Amino acid sequence: MSVPEFYYEEDGGSWKVTETMKQAYETHGCILVRNMLRPEEVNKVKAALEAPDGVLQHTYRRSDGKERDNGFVLWNHPGRDVTGVLARTQRIAGTAEQLMGGDEIYHYHTKLIMKSARTGGTFVWHQDYGYWYKNGCLAPDMSSVFIPMDDTDPENGCLQVLPGSHKYGRMDHVEIGEQLGADPERVEQVKKRLDSVYVEMKAGDVLFFHCNLLHTSDANTSPRRRWVFIVAFNKRSNDSYKDHHHPRYTPMTKEEDSALMKCTETDLDGKWFMKNEEDFSVPRNLH
């Protein structure tokens, strides 16, 4: 089983999510849309992410337990700056909403994951809902949108997925070294039934995936960095029943796709950046 691929095309200036895409997402737990962001749009987002007075001020680092680490920046509200506009565009938020069934969604959080050249660490097999379930979100009505800022391949630690694994439901997540990962015994059994796929992507490609999809990534052994921008969404109807380190339902205003290139806002107020000690996907923060 492979990852279903589609190519971004505007029909009369608008992007449409087709029934074929919805069915592929339902069956495989993910779809890959090639060329969803134009090169100039990727460059605009990269410039915002790389600005020394921007989101990088809130970077924290996390060991993978194998003498490597990764950099993280995580914020809970999208904001009005370039990073927030990207998350709220019809192209990103609107597509996610349609793939998730069409009910209203809200921004759960966005994160920048930075795997540095030669030193970037691994991520063990996991499901995003393996963490989010603990936050009081009762149903797996959540998804992630994976947007690389750099070309990704096996050498620099591209994403690996098990297409169709979302149908096995949420697995218990246990401590694996310095990470929380899906129950290794169950993962091995799923791998006997489904093929693992390296999702090689170009900057500007976008992967939409279900919160129960099993995924992992290897270390970055290349001389190239691997930066990825990931937006998480939750359905309004699946609002957490308790306060936690991510937001409960907050209305989200979607933006037209053209708003990204027009955005000049740099104000980061209200984004609610998360601190390292608040990251409960790390075992040491649970004790």
Protein backbone atom coordinates (compact mmCIF):
# COMPACT_ATOMS: atom_id res chain seq x y z
CA MET A 1 0.00 0.00 0.00
CA SER A 2 1.39 3.42 -0.95
CA VAL A 3 0.55 7.01 -0.10
CA PRO A 4 -2.07 8.38 -2.53
CA GLU A 5 -0.69 11.35 -4.49
CA PHE A 6 -2.53 14.29 -5.98
CA TYR A 7 -1.30 17.43 -7.71
CA TYR A 8 -2.38 20.88 -6.68
CA GLU A 9 -4.46 22.54 -9.35
CA GLU A 10 -6.65 25.60 -9.11
CA ASP A 11 -9.93 25.42 -11.00
CA GLY A 12 -11.05 28.96 -11.73
CA GLY A 13 -8.87 30.28 -8.93
CA SER A 14 -10.05 27.85 -6.26
CA TRP A 15 -8.91 24.46 -5.00
CA LYS A 16 -11.45 21.68 -4.61
CA VAL A 17 -11.25 18.56 -2.47
CA THR A 18 -12.69 15.76 -4.58
CA GLU A 19 -14.55 12.63 -3.54
CA THR A 20 -11.55 10.63 -4.75
CA MET A 21 -9.32 12.50 -2.30
CA LYS A 22 -11.77 11.97 0.54
CA GLN A 23 -11.99 8.25 -0.19
CA ALA A 24 -8.21 7.95 -0.38
CA TYR A 25 -7.87 9.70 2.99
CA GLU A 26 -10.49 7.38 4.49
CA THR A 27 -8.78 4.27 3.12
CA HIS A 28 -5.11 5.13 3.63
CA GLY A 29 -5.26 7.64 6.48
CA CYS A 30 -3.30 10.17 4.45
CA ILE A 31 -3.00 11.94 1.12
CA LEU A 32 0.00 13.72 -0.39
CA VAL A 33 -0.62 16.86 -2.45
CA ARG A 34 2.32 17.84 -4.63
CA ASN A 35 3.18 21.50 -5.32
CA MET A 36 0.52 22.84 -2.97
CA LEU A 37 2.68 25.85 -2.10
CA ARG A 38 4.46 27.80 -4.81
CA PRO A 39 8.23 28.39 -4.40
CA GLU A 40 7.68 32.06 -3.57
CA GLU A 41 5.18 31.08 -0.86
CA VAL A 42 7.60 28.57 0.66
CA ASN A 43 10.31 31.23 0.65
CA LYS A 44 8.03 33.73 2.40
CA VAL A 45 7.19 31.24 5.14
CA LYS A 46 10.85 30.20 5.50
CA ALA A 47 11.89 33.84 5.87
CA ALA A 48 9.34 34.29 8.66
CA LEU A 49 10.46 31.10 10.42
CA GLU A 50 14.16 31.94 10.12
CA ALA A 51 13.87 35.54 11.36
CA PRO A 52 15.95 35.85 14.57
CA ASP A 53 13.25 37.97 16.23
CA GLY A 54 10.46 35.59 15.19
CA VAL A 55 9.26 32.21 16.43
CA LEU A 56 12.84 30.91 16.79
CA GLN A 57 13.07 32.88 20.04
CA HIS A 58 10.90 30.15 21.55
CA THR A 59 12.99 27.16 20.43
CA TYR A 60 13.60 24.26 22.78
CA ARG A 61 15.57 21.10 22.12
CA ARG A 62 14.69 17.51 22.88
CA SER A 63 16.93 14.45 22.97
CA ASP A 64 15.90 11.39 20.98
CA GLY A 65 17.64 9.14 23.53
CA LYS A 66 20.26 8.14 20.96
CA GLU A 67 22.76 10.98 21.41
CA ARG A 68 20.95 13.17 18.89
CA ASP A 69 18.33 15.86 19.29
CA ASN A 70 15.79 18.00 17.45
CA GLY A 71 14.70 21.60 17.79
CA PHE A 72 11.06 22.48 18.42
CA VAL A 73 8.90 25.57 18.43
CA LEU A 74 5.23 25.02 19.27
CA TRP A 75 2.41 27.55 19.46
CA ASN A 76 -1.24 27.00 20.31
CA HIS A 77 -3.02 29.86 18.55
CA PRO A 78 -2.26 30.61 14.89
CA GLY A 79 -1.91 34.38 15.18
CA ARG A 80 -1.97 36.99 12.41
CA ASP A 81 1.61 36.67 11.17
CA VAL A 82 2.71 34.70 8.10
CA THR A 83 2.82 31.39 9.99
CA GLY A 84 -0.71 31.92 11.26
CA VAL A 85 -2.08 32.95 7.88
CA LEU A 86 -0.62 29.80 6.27
CA ALA A 87 -2.32 27.59 8.86
CA ARG A 88 -5.66 29.33 8.32
CA THR A 89 -5.71 29.41 4.51
CA GLN A 90 -8.49 27.62 2.68
CA ARG A 91 -5.77 25.56 1.03
CA ILE A 92 -4.58 24.16 4.38
CA ALA A 93 -7.41 24.51 6.91
CA GLY A 94 -10.18 24.18 4.33
CA THR A 95 -8.70 21.03 2.84
CA ALA A 96 -8.17 19.49 6.28
CA GLU A 97 -11.76 20.29 7.23
CA GLN A 98 -13.14 18.60 4.13
CA LEU A 99 -10.96 15.52 4.59
CA MET A 100 -12.11 15.30 8.20
CA GLY A 101 -15.76 15.16 7.15
CA GLY A 102 -16.75 18.79 6.69
CA ASP A 103 -17.65 19.68 10.28
CA GLU A 104 -16.14 22.83 11.78
CA ILE A 105 -12.52 22.44 12.90
CA TYR A 106 -10.23 24.63 14.97
CA HIS A 107 -6.49 25.14 15.27
CA TYR A 108 -5.10 22.79 17.92
CA HIS A 109 -1.48 23.82 17.54
CA THR A 110 1.33 24.39 15.06
CA LYS A 111 4.91 23.27 15.49
CA LEU A 112 8.18 23.70 13.69
CA ILE A 113 10.43 20.64 13.95
CA MET A 114 14.07 21.26 13.10
CA LYS A 115 16.35 18.32 12.31
CA SER A 116 19.80 19.80 11.96
CA ALA A 117 22.26 18.51 9.38
CA ARG A 118 24.13 15.39 10.57
CA THR A 119 22.84 15.66 14.16
CA GLY A 120 19.04 15.63 13.80
CA GLY A 121 17.42 12.86 15.79
CA THR A 122 14.89 10.10 15.29
CA PHE A 123 11.22 9.82 16.17
CA VAL A 124 9.93 6.40 17.19
CA TRP A 125 6.72 4.96 15.75
CA HIS A 126 3.78 6.83 17.22
CA GLN A 127 0.28 8.16 16.63
CA ASP A 128 -0.53 11.79 17.32
CA TYR A 129 -3.74 10.69 19.00
CA GLY A 130 -1.65 8.56 21.33
CA TYR A 131 -0.74 11.87 22.98
CA TRP A 132 -3.90 13.87 22.33
CA TYR A 133 -6.20 11.23 23.81
CA LYS A 134 -4.62 11.99 27.17
CA ASN A 135 -5.60 15.64 26.74
CA GLY A 136 -9.31 14.88 26.99
CA CYS A 137 -10.13 14.67 23.28
CA LEU A 138 -12.53 11.73 23.32
CA ALA A 139 -12.59 10.84 19.63
CA PRO A 140 -9.88 10.55 16.94
CA ASP A 141 -11.49 13.42 15.02
CA MET A 142 -8.16 15.18 14.60
CA SER A 143 -5.52 15.48 11.91
CA SER A 144 -2.10 16.88 11.07
CA VAL A 145 -0.87 18.77 8.04
CA PHE A 146 2.83 18.15 7.35
CA ILE A 147 4.49 20.91 5.29
CA PRO A 148 8.26 20.59 4.69
CA MET A 149 10.24 23.77 4.28
CA ASP A 150 13.12 21.74 2.82
CA ASP A 151 13.20 18.77 0.46
CA THR A 152 13.01 15.56 2.49
CA ASP A 153 14.34 12.07 1.73
CA PRO A 154 15.53 9.04 3.73
CA GLU A 155 19.02 10.53 4.16
CA ASN A 156 17.81 13.63 6.01
CA GLY A 157 15.10 11.83 7.97
CA CYS A 158 11.92 12.08 5.92
CA LEU A 159 8.63 10.86 7.34
CA GLN A 160 7.76 7.17 7.18
CA VAL A 161 4.16 6.03 7.45
CA LEU A 162 2.13 2.83 7.55
CA PRO A 163 -0.77 3.65 5.19
CA GLY A 164 -4.00 2.16 6.49
CA SER A 165 -2.71 1.80 10.06
CA HIS A 166 -5.24 4.35 11.33
CA LYS A 167 -7.88 1.63 11.01
CA TYR A 168 -6.29 -0.34 13.87
CA GLY A 169 -7.33 2.38 16.32
CA ARG A 170 -5.42 4.11 19.07
CA MET A 171 -2.57 2.13 20.60
CA ASP A 172 -1.21 2.51 24.10
CA HIS A 173 1.88 4.73 24.13
CA VAL A 174 4.75 3.72 26.38
CA GLU A 175 8.18 5.01 27.28
CA ILE A 176 10.79 4.08 24.68
CA GLY A 177 14.05 5.59 25.85
CA GLU A 178 13.44 9.33 26.11
CA GLN A 179 10.35 9.24 23.90
CA LEU A 180 6.76 8.08 24.11
CA GLY A 181 5.93 5.66 21.32
CA ALA A 182 3.21 3.27 20.25
CA ASP A 183 3.30 -0.19 21.86
CA PRO A 184 6.24 -1.85 20.01
CA GLU A 185 4.60 -5.29 20.01
CA ARG A 186 1.51 -3.98 18.24
CA VAL A 187 3.57 -1.88 15.84
CA GLU A 188 5.51 -4.97 14.78
CA GLN A 189 2.29 -6.86 14.17
CA VAL A 190 0.90 -4.03 12.05
CA LYS A 191 4.15 -3.91 10.06
CA LYS A 192 3.63 -7.58 9.15
CA ARG A 193 0.33 -6.62 7.53
CA LEU A 194 1.08 -3.21 6.06
CA ASP A 195 4.06 -1.83 4.16
CA SER A 196 6.08 1.05 5.59
CA VAL A 197 6.48 3.89 3.10
CA TYR A 198 9.12 6.63 2.98
CA VAL A 199 7.28 9.83 2.12
CA GLU A 200 9.82 11.77 0.10
CA MET A 201 8.66 15.34 -0.37
CA LYS A 202 9.75 18.57 -1.97
CA ALA A 203 9.39 21.89 -0.18
CA GLY A 204 5.84 22.98 -0.98
CA ASP A 205 4.36 19.49 -1.02
CA VAL A 206 1.79 18.86 1.73
CA LEU A 207 0.82 15.63 3.51
CA PHE A 208 -2.55 15.47 5.28
CA PHE A 209 -2.84 12.59 7.75
CA HIS A 210 -5.22 11.10 10.29
CA CYS A 211 -4.34 11.32 13.98
CA ASN A 212 -4.19 7.51 14.32
CA LEU A 213 -1.81 6.99 11.41
CA LEU A 214 1.42 5.34 12.61
CA HIS A 215 4.48 7.33 11.57
CA THR A 216 8.18 7.62 12.38
CA SER A 217 11.37 9.19 11.01
CA ASP A 218 15.06 8.35 11.05
CA ALA A 219 18.02 10.49 12.03
CA ASN A 220 19.32 13.18 9.71
CA THR A 221 22.70 11.84 8.57
CA SER A 222 22.91 14.23 5.62
CA PRO A 223 24.68 17.60 5.28
CA ARG A 224 21.23 19.18 4.79
CA ARG A 225 18.79 20.37 7.44
CA ARG A 226 15.17 19.16 7.56
CA TRP A 227 12.69 21.75 8.78
CA VAL A 228 9.00 20.85 8.81
CA PHE A 229 5.95 22.99 9.63
CA ILE A 230 3.09 20.91 11.06
CA VAL A 231 -0.43 22.17 11.75
CA ALA A 232 -2.79 20.13 13.94
CA PHE A 233 -6.56 20.52 13.80
CA ASN A 234 -9.41 19.24 15.96
CA LYS A 235 -13.14 19.16 15.33
CA ARG A 236 -15.22 21.60 17.33
CA SER A 237 -17.49 18.69 18.29
CA ASN A 238 -14.42 16.91 19.74
CA ASP A 239 -13.43 19.76 22.04
CA SER A 240 -11.51 18.48 25.04
CA TYR A 241 -13.52 18.04 28.23
CA LYS A 242 -10.69 19.50 30.33
CA ASP A 243 -8.16 22.30 30.26
CA HIS A 244 -4.66 21.24 29.24
CA HIS A 245 -1.51 22.53 27.53
CA HIS A 246 -3.25 22.97 24.14
CA PRO A 247 -6.34 25.10 23.52
CA ARG A 248 -9.92 24.03 23.86
CA TYR A 249 -12.29 25.09 21.09
CA THR A 250 -11.40 28.52 19.75
CA PRO A 251 -13.14 29.87 16.62
CA MET A 252 -10.79 30.03 13.63
CA THR A 253 -11.17 32.51 10.79
CA LYS A 254 -10.04 31.01 7.50
CA GLU A 255 -8.14 33.17 5.02
CA GLU A 256 -8.19 33.23 1.26
CA ASP A 257 -5.06 31.64 -0.19
CA SER A 258 -3.94 34.99 -1.62
CA ALA A 259 -3.63 36.37 1.94
CA LEU A 260 -0.34 34.55 2.45
CA MET A 261 1.68 36.60 -0.02
CA LYS A 262 -0.09 39.80 1.07
CA CYS A 263 0.68 39.32 4.77
CA THR A 264 3.16 41.80 6.30
CA GLU A 265 2.28 41.18 9.96
CA THR A 266 5.16 40.17 12.23
CA ASP A 267 3.43 40.56 15.60
CA LEU A 268 3.56 37.27 17.54
CA ASP A 269 1.27 38.35 20.37
CA GLY A 270 -1.34 35.82 21.41
CA LYS A 271 0.27 32.74 19.85
CA TRP A 272 0.73 31.04 23.27
CA PHE A 273 4.13 29.44 22.80
CA MET A 274 4.72 26.21 24.69
CA LYS A 275 7.73 25.62 26.91
CA ASN A 276 9.82 22.46 26.98
CA GLU A 277 8.57 21.43 30.42
CA GLU A 278 4.97 21.65 29.16
CA ASP A 279 5.58 19.09 26.39
CA PHE A 280 3.87 15.97 27.73
CA SER A 281 4.92 13.80 24.80
CA VAL A 282 8.25 13.57 26.67
CA PRO A 283 8.39 10.92 29.44
CA ARG A 284 10.39 13.02 31.89
CA ASN A 285 7.63 15.66 31.93
CA LEU A 286 5.07 13.08 33.03
CA HIS A 287 6.78 12.31 36.34
